[in-house]
Amino acid sequence: MGSVGPTELLMIALVVVLIFGAGRIAEIGKGLGEGIRNFKKGLKDEPGDEPAQLPKRGADEQEDDEEDEEDDEERSRKAKAKKVVKKSEKKSSTDEDE
């Protein structure tokens, strides 16, 4: 039983391409590469390391965030109101058809 030569490797590669297709092989290779990269990154991080502290925000930034949240809530209320109006319009149009 000898070693695997270039001809055998070529035949194996041909069979793999026929079974999986070129696109699927590329996806598998990409997934393996990302997995190895994440594994190496995980090894570099020591378990005792603490995550970096975020800088403290000023009062102006906090007020901006609160205003953004209020705007989001108002948009959400308006969207819900539009849905209710659309439903009532659909219901009234089906009632008129009958």
Protein backbone atom coordinates (compact mmCIF):
# COMPACT_ATOMS: atom_id res chain seq x y z
CA MET A 1 0.00 0.00 0.00
CA GLY A 2 1.78 3.11 -1.24
CA SER A 3 1.33 6.77 -0.65
CA VAL A 4 -1.29 8.84 -2.39
CA GLY A 5 0.14 10.39 -5.54
CA PRO A 6 -0.91 13.41 -7.60
CA THR A 7 -3.14 11.31 -9.87
CA GLU A 8 -5.10 9.92 -6.94
CA LEU A 9 -5.45 13.40 -5.39
CA LEU A 10 -6.76 14.73 -8.70
CA MET A 11 -9.34 11.94 -8.91
CA ILE A 12 -10.46 12.57 -5.31
CA ALA A 13 -10.78 16.31 -5.99
CA LEU A 14 -12.82 15.59 -9.15
CA VAL A 15 -15.23 13.32 -7.26
CA VAL A 16 -15.63 15.91 -4.47
CA VAL A 17 -16.41 18.66 -7.02
CA LEU A 18 -18.95 16.41 -8.73
CA ILE A 19 -20.65 15.57 -5.44
CA PHE A 20 -20.75 19.00 -3.79
CA GLY A 21 -20.35 21.46 -6.65
CA ALA A 22 -17.83 24.30 -6.86
CA GLY A 23 -20.00 26.87 -5.05
CA ARG A 24 -20.67 24.63 -2.08
CA ILE A 25 -16.96 23.80 -1.73
CA ALA A 26 -16.17 27.53 -1.61
CA GLU A 27 -18.75 28.01 1.16
CA ILE A 28 -17.29 25.12 3.15
CA GLY A 29 -13.77 26.55 2.77
CA LYS A 30 -14.93 29.99 3.88
CA GLY A 31 -16.66 28.51 6.93
CA LEU A 32 -13.57 26.53 7.89
CA GLY A 33 -11.37 29.61 7.53
CA GLU A 34 -13.66 31.71 9.73
CA GLY A 35 -13.81 28.94 12.31
CA ILE A 36 -10.04 28.65 12.49
CA ARG A 37 -9.69 32.44 12.71
CA ASN A 38 -12.19 32.61 15.59
CA PHE A 39 -10.47 29.73 17.35
CA LYS A 40 -7.08 31.45 17.14
CA LYS A 41 -8.62 34.70 18.36
CA GLY A 42 -10.16 32.84 21.30
CA LEU A 43 -6.80 31.36 22.21
CA LYS A 44 -5.17 34.79 22.27
CA ASP A 45 -7.76 36.17 24.68
CA GLU A 46 -6.97 35.14 28.22
CA PRO A 47 -9.92 34.15 30.41
CA GLY A 48 -8.97 36.75 33.05
CA ASP A 49 -9.12 39.62 30.55
CA GLU A 50 -11.87 42.11 31.21
CA PRO A 51 -13.65 43.79 28.35
CA ALA A 52 -12.55 47.32 27.58
CA GLN A 53 -14.43 50.00 29.50
CA LEU A 54 -16.53 52.33 27.41
CA PRO A 55 -15.86 56.03 27.93
CA LYS A 56 -18.41 57.83 30.07
CA ARG A 57 -20.91 59.88 28.13
CA GLY A 58 -21.75 63.48 28.80
CA ALA A 59 -25.16 64.79 29.73
CA ASP A 60 -25.75 66.09 26.18
CA GLU A 61 -25.31 62.62 24.69
CA GLN A 62 -27.68 61.10 27.25
CA GLU A 63 -30.33 63.72 26.44
CA ASP A 64 -29.94 62.98 22.72
CA ASP A 65 -30.49 59.28 23.38
CA GLU A 66 -33.63 60.02 25.40
CA GLU A 67 -34.99 62.21 22.59
CA ASP A 68 -34.27 59.46 20.07
CA GLU A 69 -36.16 56.95 22.21
CA GLU A 70 -39.15 59.31 22.42
CA ASP A 71 -39.09 59.76 18.63
CA ASP A 72 -39.00 55.99 18.16
CA GLU A 73 -41.99 55.55 20.47
CA GLU A 74 -43.94 58.23 18.60
CA ARG A 75 -43.19 56.59 15.24
CA SER A 76 -44.29 53.26 16.64
CA ARG A 77 -47.60 54.73 17.83
CA LYS A 78 -48.21 56.33 14.44
CA ALA A 79 -47.48 53.06 12.64
CA LYS A 80 -49.95 51.21 14.87
CA ALA A 81 -52.59 53.85 14.23
CA LYS A 82 -52.11 53.50 10.46
CA LYS A 83 -52.57 49.73 10.72
CA VAL A 84 -55.81 50.19 12.63
CA VAL A 85 -57.09 52.67 10.03
CA LYS A 86 -56.17 50.32 7.17
CA LYS A 87 -57.94 47.41 8.86
CA SER A 88 -61.07 49.47 9.44
CA GLU A 89 -61.00 50.66 5.81
CA LYS A 90 -60.72 47.08 4.58
CA LYS A 91 -63.55 46.00 6.82
CA SER A 92 -65.81 48.84 5.69
CA SER A 93 -65.07 48.17 2.02
CA THR A 94 -65.93 44.49 2.39
CA ASP A 95 -69.14 45.41 4.21
CA GLU A 96 -70.11 47.74 1.36
CA ASP A 97 -69.49 45.01 -1.23
CA GLU A 98 -71.94 42.71 0.49
